[in-house]
Amino acid sequence: MGSQEVSNVDWQGKHVTVAGLGVSGIPAARVLHGLGAVVTVVNDGDDERSRGQAAELEAQGITVRLGDGATLPKSTELIVTTPGWKPDKPLFTAAAEAGVPVWGDVELAWRLRGRDGREPAPWLAVTGTNGKTTTVRMLASILEAAGLRTAAVGNIGVSLLDAVLGEETYDVLAVELSSYQLHWSPSLRAHSAAVLNLAPDHLDWHGSMEAYVADKGRIYEGNTVACVYNVADAATEDLVREADVEEGCRAIGFTLGTPGPSQLGVVDGILVDRAFVTNRQKQAQELAEVADVNPPAPHNIANALAAAALARAFGVEPAAVRDGLRAFRPDPHRIEHVADVAGVAYIDDSKATNTHAAEASLAAYDPIVWIAGGLAKGATFDELVTGCAGRLRGVVLMGADRALIREALARHAPEVPVTDLDRTDTGAMSEAVREAARLARPGDTVLMAPACASMDMFVNYNKRGEAFADAVRTLAAESA
């Protein structure tokens, strides 16, 4: 099945196995069934929720096998997998031995574009260890400001299958892609794409940093106009060099410093473009002010520059970049200002679930009382602590793997006072905020940037952020 002809493939009677229920597996199964395929869903879990989902699919004529995700169903001609399934699953080993291709839901959406006869909307794609969602939402805001019909899709917001097959028509799509999704998307070819940054993450899934980086790099394959990279992260530029792109596709860098030719950057508080101008050697186009970026933390300015580069690659005018950035409002729990209490700012960055994200957050404030800890996911903290030690007024640690951060602090910031909360119930957050308030002085920032996942104490990072915000609001009410 080649990438261009699949839109015209006759799915009628084609035996397709969908690996996994959930937010991408269920829509994929329904779409394939609607196209006439014979669909079997396999799922490892056999809990109450899975049984409920299975019953709904079976009522539509879709076969579901619960508790057996390892066996390749007979007659399978294609597997469509949900992103969470690791490449080393026995199901995929069996598929490789049988010569059965494996696609992700993103690959399926890519191959189904234009099925209804409409001209497929180009994809502007974004990946990276951190900042993907913010950048894609900034990009969608800029595209909307330019009067384009668009949506933020992929690993965010609207399902890609819905965007491709739904009644809504789009001029262009802003697409967030995770490393998982890229791993299973061999034929994806974006108009332009950006890799924001690269740091160790999800190594348990990919098996190594090299494999993780290689999967991120797939986003550049076949780009037609621009490969956007981070000047401060050489590994992203290396991926551009290695990519097989269309003739004429350009490498476009973004930097927080003064941009060189074919780059976007910052000069005297102004976001400027030296890439999409007539004379890149001598000209620079003003796009927006740093103050137009919300919030104007360094890593968020980098996100804005990446979004602007993709928009400019699509031909968006400078005024729309400015208007789109001004209109953008960040999602909750991403360096979100909760309140000022007794002269101290309280910032919720619960989305900082790894060290790379926390490093960017910590770089935006000084001095800081840092609330950190949770599930480390195999991370180490020496480099993070070394980089932020000079900004720390104090640290409050909580969560299952807090000892790893405490030990790094003892090695690299022994003079910084540390409060270690020996409790992992959800009420620990209220105590953490009170301890942080005790350590803070007027003019300080209490920053909850855990550098860890949340599932030891909370359902997800959203719930952790809500607990922090609730505790801060309680503190504010008591201080009023």
Protein backbone atom coordinates (compact mmCIF):
# COMPACT_ATOMS: atom_id res chain seq x y z
CA MET A 1 0.00 0.00 0.00
CA GLY A 2 1.82 3.13 -1.16
CA SER A 3 1.18 6.44 0.56
CA GLN A 4 -0.41 8.10 -2.47
CA GLU A 5 -2.75 5.37 -3.61
CA VAL A 6 -4.20 4.36 -0.25
CA SER A 7 -6.84 7.08 -0.37
CA ASN A 8 -8.36 5.13 -3.24
CA VAL A 9 -7.91 1.70 -1.66
CA ASP A 10 -10.98 -0.48 -1.42
CA TRP A 11 -11.27 -1.12 2.30
CA GLN A 12 -14.29 -3.36 1.79
CA GLY A 13 -13.54 -6.73 3.38
CA LYS A 14 -9.95 -5.81 4.31
CA HIS A 15 -8.98 -7.47 7.60
CA VAL A 16 -7.59 -4.82 9.97
CA THR A 17 -6.56 -5.31 13.59
CA VAL A 18 -6.68 -2.27 15.88
CA ALA A 19 -4.26 -2.53 18.82
CA GLY A 20 -5.73 -0.96 21.93
CA LEU A 21 -8.90 0.78 23.00
CA GLY A 22 -8.80 4.38 24.22
CA VAL A 23 -8.84 7.84 22.73
CA SER A 24 -7.28 6.85 19.39
CA GLY A 25 -8.10 3.14 19.11
CA ILE A 26 -11.86 3.48 19.34
CA PRO A 27 -12.17 6.20 16.64
CA ALA A 28 -9.81 4.25 14.37
CA ALA A 29 -11.90 1.10 14.75
CA ARG A 30 -15.11 2.98 13.97
CA VAL A 31 -13.64 4.75 10.94
CA LEU A 32 -12.24 1.52 9.49
CA HIS A 33 -15.51 -0.30 10.10
CA GLY A 34 -17.36 2.52 8.39
CA LEU A 35 -15.07 2.13 5.37
CA GLY A 36 -16.09 -1.52 5.09
CA ALA A 37 -13.08 -3.16 6.72
CA VAL A 38 -13.40 -6.28 8.86
CA VAL A 39 -12.13 -4.88 12.16
CA THR A 40 -10.86 -6.75 15.20
CA VAL A 41 -9.77 -4.78 18.26
CA VAL A 42 -7.28 -6.43 20.63
CA ASN A 43 -6.68 -5.00 24.09
CA ASP A 44 -4.45 -6.04 26.99
CA GLY A 45 -6.86 -4.87 29.68
CA ASP A 46 -10.11 -6.58 30.65
CA ASP A 47 -11.48 -4.17 33.27
CA GLU A 48 -14.92 -2.69 33.68
CA ARG A 49 -14.17 0.35 31.52
CA SER A 50 -12.75 -1.80 28.71
CA ARG A 51 -15.76 -4.10 28.81
CA GLY A 52 -18.07 -1.09 28.46
CA GLN A 53 -16.11 0.22 25.48
CA ALA A 54 -16.04 -3.24 23.93
CA ALA A 55 -19.81 -3.62 24.26
CA GLU A 56 -20.36 -0.36 22.35
CA LEU A 57 -18.06 -1.43 19.52
CA GLU A 58 -19.50 -4.93 19.32
CA ALA A 59 -22.98 -3.45 19.01
CA GLN A 60 -21.73 -1.80 15.80
CA GLY A 61 -20.40 -5.07 14.43
CA ILE A 62 -16.74 -4.73 15.49
CA THR A 63 -15.03 -7.74 17.08
CA VAL A 64 -13.20 -7.02 20.36
CA ARG A 65 -10.78 -9.36 22.15
CA LEU A 66 -10.08 -8.25 25.72
CA GLY A 67 -7.12 -9.48 27.74
CA ASP A 68 -5.30 -10.77 24.67
CA GLY A 69 -3.17 -8.12 23.05
CA ALA A 70 -0.30 -10.45 22.18
CA THR A 71 -1.83 -12.72 19.54
CA LEU A 72 -2.08 -11.65 15.90
CA PRO A 73 -5.61 -12.45 14.68
CA LYS A 74 -5.73 -14.71 11.63
CA SER A 75 -6.15 -13.05 8.23
CA THR A 76 -4.81 -9.71 9.52
CA GLU A 77 -3.63 -7.59 6.59
CA LEU A 78 -2.87 -4.40 8.55
CA ILE A 79 -2.45 -3.36 12.19
CA VAL A 80 -3.45 0.13 13.31
CA THR A 81 -2.01 0.79 16.77
CA THR A 82 -2.65 3.32 19.49
CA PRO A 83 0.43 5.38 20.44
CA GLY A 84 0.96 3.83 23.85
CA TRP A 85 1.76 0.32 22.63
CA LYS A 86 5.53 -0.27 22.74
CA PRO A 87 7.30 -1.43 19.57
CA ASP A 88 8.58 -4.55 21.36
CA LYS A 89 5.07 -5.95 21.98
CA PRO A 90 4.70 -9.60 20.89
CA LEU A 91 1.86 -8.55 18.58
CA PHE A 92 4.26 -6.44 16.51
CA THR A 93 6.91 -9.16 16.49
CA ALA A 94 4.31 -11.54 15.09
CA ALA A 95 3.26 -8.90 12.53
CA ALA A 96 6.85 -8.42 11.37
CA GLU A 97 7.29 -12.17 10.96
CA ALA A 98 4.06 -12.36 8.95
CA GLY A 99 4.90 -9.31 6.81
CA VAL A 100 1.92 -7.35 8.15
CA PRO A 101 2.41 -3.54 8.15
CA VAL A 102 1.80 -1.51 11.31
CA TRP A 103 0.40 2.02 11.20
CA GLY A 104 -0.44 4.48 13.94
CA ASP A 105 -3.66 6.51 14.00
CA VAL A 106 -1.72 9.46 12.53
CA GLU A 107 -0.54 7.34 9.61
CA LEU A 108 -4.12 6.17 9.04
CA ALA A 109 -5.33 9.78 9.00
CA TRP A 110 -2.54 10.78 6.61
CA ARG A 111 -3.43 7.96 4.21
CA LEU A 112 -7.15 8.79 4.28
CA ARG A 113 -6.71 12.46 3.34
CA GLY A 114 -8.62 13.52 0.28
CA ARG A 115 -10.78 10.40 0.31
CA ASP A 116 -13.92 12.48 -0.18
CA GLY A 117 -12.47 14.23 -3.22
CA ARG A 118 -11.54 17.41 -1.34
CA GLU A 119 -8.04 18.84 -1.70
CA PRO A 120 -6.22 17.67 1.46
CA ALA A 121 -5.20 20.44 3.86
CA PRO A 122 -1.41 20.76 4.25
CA TRP A 123 0.05 19.84 7.65
CA LEU A 124 2.31 22.14 9.68
CA ALA A 125 3.75 19.69 12.20
CA VAL A 126 5.43 20.17 15.59
CA THR A 127 7.29 17.78 17.87
CA GLY A 128 9.86 18.07 20.66
CA THR A 129 10.35 16.93 24.21
CA ASN A 130 8.61 20.01 25.63
CA GLY A 131 6.48 22.86 24.35
CA LYS A 132 4.60 20.98 21.61
CA THR A 133 1.06 21.77 22.73
CA THR A 134 1.76 25.44 23.41
CA THR A 135 3.52 25.89 20.07
CA VAL A 136 0.75 24.18 18.10
CA ARG A 137 -1.91 26.28 19.80
CA MET A 138 0.11 29.44 19.15
CA LEU A 139 0.44 28.38 15.52
CA ALA A 140 -3.31 27.78 15.20
CA SER A 141 -3.96 31.20 16.74
CA ILE A 142 -1.63 32.85 14.20
CA LEU A 143 -3.21 30.98 11.29
CA GLU A 144 -6.68 32.01 12.48
CA ALA A 145 -5.52 35.63 12.72
CA ALA A 146 -4.49 35.32 9.07
CA GLY A 147 -8.07 34.37 8.18
CA LEU A 148 -7.27 30.71 7.51
CA ARG A 149 -9.57 27.84 8.42
CA THR A 150 -7.48 25.71 10.75
CA ALA A 151 -7.46 23.55 13.87
CA ALA A 152 -4.93 22.35 16.43
CA VAL A 153 -4.98 18.58 15.96
CA GLY A 154 -3.02 15.37 16.59
CA ASN A 155 -1.79 14.82 20.12
CA ILE A 156 -4.03 17.72 21.15
CA GLY A 157 -7.57 18.99 20.67
CA VAL A 158 -9.36 17.70 17.57
CA SER A 159 -8.73 14.10 16.49
CA LEU A 160 -6.74 13.90 13.27
CA LEU A 161 -9.20 11.35 11.90
CA ASP A 162 -12.06 13.77 12.60
CA ALA A 163 -10.14 16.61 10.96
CA VAL A 164 -9.41 14.55 7.85
CA LEU A 165 -12.79 12.85 7.47
CA GLY A 166 -15.21 15.28 9.14
CA GLU A 167 -17.53 17.74 7.45
CA GLU A 168 -15.37 20.74 8.40
CA THR A 169 -12.94 21.82 5.69
CA TYR A 170 -9.56 23.34 6.53
CA ASP A 171 -6.99 25.41 4.66
CA VAL A 172 -4.16 24.10 6.83
CA LEU A 173 -3.77 22.01 9.99
CA ALA A 174 -1.51 22.69 12.99
CA VAL A 175 -0.46 19.18 14.03
CA GLU A 176 1.14 18.12 17.31
CA LEU A 177 2.97 14.80 17.00
CA SER A 178 4.51 12.75 19.80
CA SER A 179 7.51 10.47 19.35
CA TYR A 180 5.11 7.51 19.72
CA GLN A 181 2.95 8.76 16.86
CA LEU A 182 5.94 9.49 14.64
CA HIS A 183 7.34 6.00 15.19
CA TRP A 184 4.28 4.51 13.49
CA SER A 185 3.97 7.12 10.68
CA PRO A 186 6.30 6.00 7.88
CA SER A 187 4.67 7.89 4.99
CA LEU A 188 3.83 11.20 6.69
CA ARG A 189 5.06 14.18 4.64
CA ALA A 190 4.42 17.61 6.17
CA HIS A 191 4.41 20.97 4.37
CA SER A 192 6.78 22.23 7.08
CA ALA A 193 7.76 20.89 10.49
CA ALA A 194 9.57 21.88 13.68
CA VAL A 195 11.52 19.96 16.31
CA LEU A 196 11.53 22.28 19.32
CA ASN A 197 14.08 20.53 21.53
CA LEU A 198 15.41 17.09 22.45
CA ALA A 199 16.01 15.73 25.94
CA PRO A 200 15.77 12.22 27.42
CA ASP A 201 12.10 11.21 27.75
CA HIS A 202 10.03 8.08 27.14
CA LEU A 203 13.22 6.02 26.91
CA ASP A 204 11.39 3.03 28.40
CA TRP A 205 9.15 3.08 25.30
CA HIS A 206 11.80 3.74 22.65
CA GLY A 207 14.56 1.67 24.22
CA SER A 208 17.31 4.29 23.86
CA MET A 209 17.92 8.00 23.39
CA GLU A 210 19.11 7.29 19.86
CA ALA A 211 15.82 5.59 18.96
CA TYR A 212 13.82 8.39 20.58
CA VAL A 213 15.70 11.08 18.62
CA ALA A 214 15.39 9.10 15.38
CA ASP A 215 11.61 8.90 15.80
CA LYS A 216 11.41 12.64 16.44
CA GLY A 217 13.44 13.21 13.27
CA ARG A 218 10.83 11.42 11.15
CA ILE A 219 8.80 14.65 11.23
CA TYR A 220 11.22 16.26 8.75
CA GLU A 221 11.00 13.47 6.15
CA GLY A 222 9.63 14.76 2.86
CA ASN A 223 9.05 18.34 4.07
CA THR A 224 8.38 20.62 1.12
CA VAL A 225 9.00 24.19 2.37
CA ALA A 226 10.76 24.43 5.76
CA CYS A 227 12.44 22.32 8.44
CA VAL A 228 12.41 24.49 11.58
CA TYR A 229 15.07 23.76 14.19
CA ASN A 230 16.29 25.18 17.51
CA VAL A 231 19.63 26.98 17.16
CA ALA A 232 20.32 26.36 20.87
CA ASP A 233 19.82 22.60 20.48
CA ALA A 234 22.32 21.30 17.93
CA ALA A 235 20.69 17.88 17.83
CA THR A 236 17.61 19.38 16.18
CA GLU A 237 19.74 20.85 13.39
CA ASP A 238 21.50 17.50 12.99
CA LEU A 239 18.11 15.92 12.30
CA VAL A 240 17.46 18.47 9.54
CA ARG A 241 20.78 17.60 7.90
CA GLU A 242 19.91 13.91 7.98
CA ALA A 243 16.37 14.32 6.62
CA ASP A 244 15.40 13.43 3.06
CA VAL A 245 13.35 16.48 2.06
CA GLU A 246 11.83 17.82 -1.14
CA GLU A 247 14.04 19.88 -3.45
CA GLY A 248 14.02 23.51 -2.31
CA CYS A 249 13.01 22.82 1.29
CA ARG A 250 14.93 25.15 3.62
CA ALA A 251 16.44 24.82 7.09
CA ILE A 252 15.06 27.63 9.29
CA GLY A 253 16.49 28.24 12.76
CA PHE A 254 14.95 30.00 15.74
CA THR A 255 16.98 31.59 18.51
CA LEU A 256 16.49 33.77 21.58
CA GLY A 257 19.47 35.78 20.38
CA THR A 258 20.06 37.93 17.31
CA PRO A 259 19.12 35.86 14.26
CA GLY A 260 21.43 35.16 11.38
CA PRO A 261 20.23 34.74 7.80
CA SER A 262 17.47 32.07 7.49
CA GLN A 263 16.66 32.44 11.18
CA LEU A 264 14.03 34.02 13.43
CA GLY A 265 15.17 35.59 16.69
CA VAL A 266 14.95 38.48 19.14
CA VAL A 267 16.45 41.98 18.83
CA ASP A 268 15.80 44.63 21.49
CA GLY A 269 12.58 43.01 22.70
CA ILE A 270 11.27 42.43 19.15
CA LEU A 271 10.65 39.06 17.48
CA VAL A 272 12.22 39.38 14.01
CA ASP A 273 12.35 37.29 10.85
CA ARG A 274 15.50 37.00 8.72
CA ALA A 275 14.27 33.88 6.92
CA PHE A 276 11.18 34.83 4.93
CA VAL A 277 12.33 38.21 3.63
CA THR A 278 13.63 39.22 0.19
CA ASN A 279 17.21 39.95 1.29
CA ARG A 280 18.11 37.66 4.19
CA GLN A 281 21.63 39.08 4.41
CA LYS A 282 20.55 42.67 5.06
CA GLN A 283 16.86 42.66 5.96
CA ALA A 284 14.89 41.72 9.09
CA GLN A 285 11.11 41.83 9.36
CA GLU A 286 9.54 42.78 12.70
CA LEU A 287 6.87 40.26 13.71
CA ALA A 288 5.83 41.04 17.29
CA GLU A 289 7.10 42.28 20.62
CA VAL A 290 8.28 39.96 23.36
CA ALA A 291 5.47 41.50 25.44
CA ASP A 292 2.97 40.02 22.94
CA VAL A 293 3.95 36.51 24.09
CA ASN A 294 1.92 35.18 27.00
CA PRO A 295 3.70 34.49 29.31
CA PRO A 296 7.01 36.02 28.10
CA ALA A 297 9.23 33.37 29.76
CA PRO A 298 12.30 32.45 27.66
CA HIS A 299 11.13 28.98 26.66
CA ASN A 300 7.72 30.37 25.71
CA ILE A 301 9.34 32.99 23.49
CA ALA A 302 11.16 30.11 21.79
CA ASN A 303 7.79 28.39 21.27
CA ALA A 304 6.42 31.60 19.74
CA LEU A 305 9.37 31.87 17.34
CA ALA A 306 8.90 28.27 16.20
CA ALA A 307 5.18 28.86 15.64
CA ALA A 308 5.95 32.07 13.76
CA ALA A 309 8.49 30.26 11.55
CA LEU A 310 5.94 27.63 10.53
CA ALA A 311 3.29 30.27 9.88
CA ARG A 312 5.70 32.35 7.80
CA ALA A 313 6.66 29.20 5.86
CA PHE A 314 2.98 28.95 4.95
CA GLY A 315 2.95 32.54 3.72
CA VAL A 316 1.33 34.27 6.70
CA GLU A 317 1.86 38.03 6.89
CA PRO A 318 3.77 39.59 9.85
CA ALA A 319 0.70 41.36 11.27
CA ALA A 320 -1.09 38.02 11.68
CA VAL A 321 1.86 36.65 13.67
CA ARG A 322 1.55 39.58 16.08
CA ASP A 323 -2.25 39.37 16.30
CA GLY A 324 -2.21 35.61 16.76
CA LEU A 325 0.33 35.75 19.58
CA ARG A 326 -1.62 38.51 21.31
CA ALA A 327 -4.82 36.47 21.10
CA PHE A 328 -3.22 33.26 22.39
CA ARG A 329 -4.01 32.10 25.92
CA PRO A 330 -1.91 29.25 27.35
CA ASP A 331 -3.51 26.06 28.63
CA PRO A 332 -3.84 25.66 32.40
CA HIS A 333 -0.88 24.36 34.43
CA ARG A 334 1.75 25.69 32.03
CA ILE A 335 3.68 28.39 33.94
CA GLU A 336 0.31 29.76 35.02
CA HIS A 337 0.23 32.62 37.51
CA VAL A 338 -2.22 31.61 40.26
CA ALA A 339 -1.99 34.50 42.72
CA ASP A 340 0.23 36.93 44.61
CA VAL A 341 0.13 36.40 48.37
CA ALA A 342 2.06 38.66 50.76
CA GLY A 343 4.27 39.89 47.92
CA VAL A 344 5.08 36.37 46.70
CA ALA A 345 4.03 35.12 43.23
CA TYR A 346 2.69 31.55 43.02
CA ILE A 347 3.24 29.83 39.64
CA ASP A 348 1.66 26.53 38.58
CA ASP A 349 3.78 24.59 36.07
CA SER A 350 2.45 21.14 36.86
CA LYS A 351 2.96 20.31 33.16
CA ALA A 352 6.72 20.31 33.84
CA THR A 353 6.72 16.51 34.17
CA ASN A 354 10.38 16.01 33.26
CA THR A 355 13.70 17.68 34.01
CA HIS A 356 13.94 19.46 30.67
CA ALA A 357 10.58 21.19 31.17
CA ALA A 358 11.43 22.08 34.76
CA GLU A 359 14.78 23.52 33.67
CA ALA A 360 13.03 25.92 31.29
CA SER A 361 10.56 26.93 33.98
CA LEU A 362 13.21 27.47 36.64
CA ALA A 363 15.18 29.67 34.22
CA ALA A 364 12.28 32.13 34.06
CA TYR A 365 12.27 33.22 37.73
CA ASP A 366 14.67 34.41 40.45
CA PRO A 367 14.66 33.93 43.40
CA ILE A 368 12.54 30.78 43.68
CA VAL A 369 11.03 28.54 46.30
CA TRP A 370 10.73 25.35 44.30
CA ILE A 371 8.08 22.69 44.87
CA ALA A 372 9.22 19.47 43.19
CA GLY A 373 8.92 15.69 43.16
CA GLY A 374 6.73 12.83 42.01
CA LEU A 375 7.55 9.89 39.74
CA ALA A 376 11.02 10.34 38.25
CA LYS A 377 10.54 7.91 35.32
CA GLY A 378 14.23 7.03 35.46
CA ALA A 379 15.42 10.64 35.40
CA THR A 380 18.45 12.01 37.22
CA PHE A 381 18.53 15.52 38.68
CA ASP A 382 22.16 16.57 39.08
CA GLU A 383 22.29 18.68 35.93
CA LEU A 384 18.95 20.33 36.69
CA VAL A 385 19.96 21.25 40.25
CA THR A 386 23.39 22.50 39.17
CA GLY A 387 21.77 24.84 36.67
CA CYS A 388 19.25 26.37 39.06
CA ALA A 389 21.08 26.28 42.39
CA GLY A 390 21.90 29.99 42.34
CA ARG A 391 18.22 30.91 41.99
CA LEU A 392 16.87 28.82 44.84
CA ARG A 393 15.66 30.40 48.07
CA GLY A 394 14.40 27.04 49.27
CA VAL A 395 12.91 23.74 48.10
CA VAL A 396 9.88 21.73 49.18
CA LEU A 397 9.95 18.09 48.11
CA MET A 398 7.04 15.69 47.86
CA GLY A 399 6.15 12.48 46.03
CA ALA A 400 7.49 8.97 45.66
CA ASP A 401 10.92 9.77 44.17
CA ARG A 402 11.67 12.99 46.06
CA ALA A 403 14.82 11.44 47.57
CA LEU A 404 16.51 11.57 44.16
CA ILE A 405 16.07 15.35 44.04
CA ARG A 406 17.04 15.71 47.71
CA GLU A 407 20.31 13.86 47.08
CA ALA A 408 21.09 16.03 44.04
CA LEU A 409 20.43 19.14 46.14
CA ALA A 410 22.75 17.84 48.87
CA ARG A 411 25.51 17.40 46.29
CA HIS A 412 25.10 20.62 44.32
CA ALA A 413 23.18 23.09 46.50
CA PRO A 414 23.91 22.09 50.11
CA GLU A 415 23.26 25.60 51.44
CA VAL A 416 19.67 25.71 50.15
CA PRO A 417 17.09 24.84 52.84
CA VAL A 418 15.00 21.79 51.93
CA THR A 419 11.69 20.66 53.40
CA ASP A 420 11.04 16.96 52.75
CA LEU A 421 7.38 16.02 53.10
CA ASP A 422 7.19 12.35 53.99
CA ARG A 423 3.67 11.81 52.72
CA THR A 424 2.18 10.95 49.34
CA ASP A 425 -1.51 11.55 49.98
CA THR A 426 -3.14 14.29 47.94
CA GLY A 427 -3.37 16.51 51.03
CA ALA A 428 0.40 16.86 50.91
CA MET A 429 0.03 19.67 48.38
CA SER A 430 -1.63 21.96 50.91
CA GLU A 431 1.24 21.37 53.33
CA ALA A 432 3.77 21.92 50.53
CA VAL A 433 2.29 25.33 49.70
CA ARG A 434 2.33 26.36 53.38
CA GLU A 435 5.96 25.26 53.73
CA ALA A 436 6.85 27.18 50.58
CA ALA A 437 5.13 30.29 51.93
CA ARG A 438 7.17 29.96 55.13
CA LEU A 439 10.43 29.86 53.13
CA ALA A 440 9.52 32.67 50.70
CA ARG A 441 10.17 36.39 51.08
CA PRO A 442 8.42 39.29 49.34
CA GLY A 443 9.56 39.45 45.73
CA ASP A 444 10.15 35.69 45.51
CA THR A 445 8.32 33.20 43.29
CA VAL A 446 6.92 29.93 44.60
CA LEU A 447 7.21 27.68 41.55
CA MET A 448 5.55 24.29 41.37
CA ALA A 449 7.56 22.69 38.55
CA PRO A 450 7.82 19.08 39.73
CA ALA A 451 10.27 17.69 37.12
CA CYS A 452 8.39 14.43 37.66
CA ALA A 453 5.20 12.69 36.60
CA SER A 454 2.17 12.98 38.87
CA MET A 455 0.66 9.49 39.02
CA ASP A 456 2.11 8.57 42.40
CA MET A 457 -0.33 11.00 44.05
CA PHE A 458 -2.67 12.38 41.38
CA VAL A 459 -4.64 11.08 38.40
CA ASN A 460 -2.67 13.39 36.10
CA TYR A 461 -0.73 16.65 36.04
CA ASN A 462 -3.98 18.62 35.69
CA LYS A 463 -5.24 17.34 39.05
CA ARG A 464 -1.86 18.09 40.62
CA GLY A 465 -2.03 21.65 39.26
CA GLU A 466 -5.58 22.08 40.53
CA ALA A 467 -4.51 20.92 43.99
CA PHE A 468 -1.71 23.49 43.98
CA ALA A 469 -4.02 26.30 42.82
CA ASP A 470 -6.64 25.37 45.43
CA ALA A 471 -4.00 25.42 48.18
CA VAL A 472 -2.71 28.82 47.01
CA ARG A 473 -6.22 30.28 46.92
CA THR A 474 -6.85 29.01 50.43
CA LEU A 475 -3.61 30.64 51.57
CA ALA A 476 -4.63 33.89 49.86
CA ALA A 477 -8.04 33.87 51.56
CA GLU A 478 -6.42 33.34 54.98
CA SER A 479 -3.97 36.16 54.32
CA ALA A 480 -6.62 38.64 53.18
